Amino acid sequence: MVWIEPLTLKIVRRLKFRGSGELRVKNTYSDFTMLAGKLPMATVSKMYNGAGDFLGTVKYKNVNSNTGLKDSLFSPSNK
């Protein structure tokens, strides 16, 4: 399951379940920055296990888009 804020389209939470329906992991996303002025990207992600115990945090700093990569790298003809 994914929670998206309807006005901003920010992904704020994600739940993953086992085949049995038991909650396996919960991720929360916060501290958003706008990539290329258009795309909201969370710079902080926190992870919890199915019991709600905190597992860890991932933080991104100095996030930039389109820095130094040629557009041709993403062309279907290069695959």
Foldseek 3Di string as FASTA:
>chain_A
DWDADVVQRDTAKDWDADPVRQTAKIKGFDDWDAEVNRRTDGQKIWMAGSVRHTDDMHGDPPDYPDPPDDPVVVDPVVD
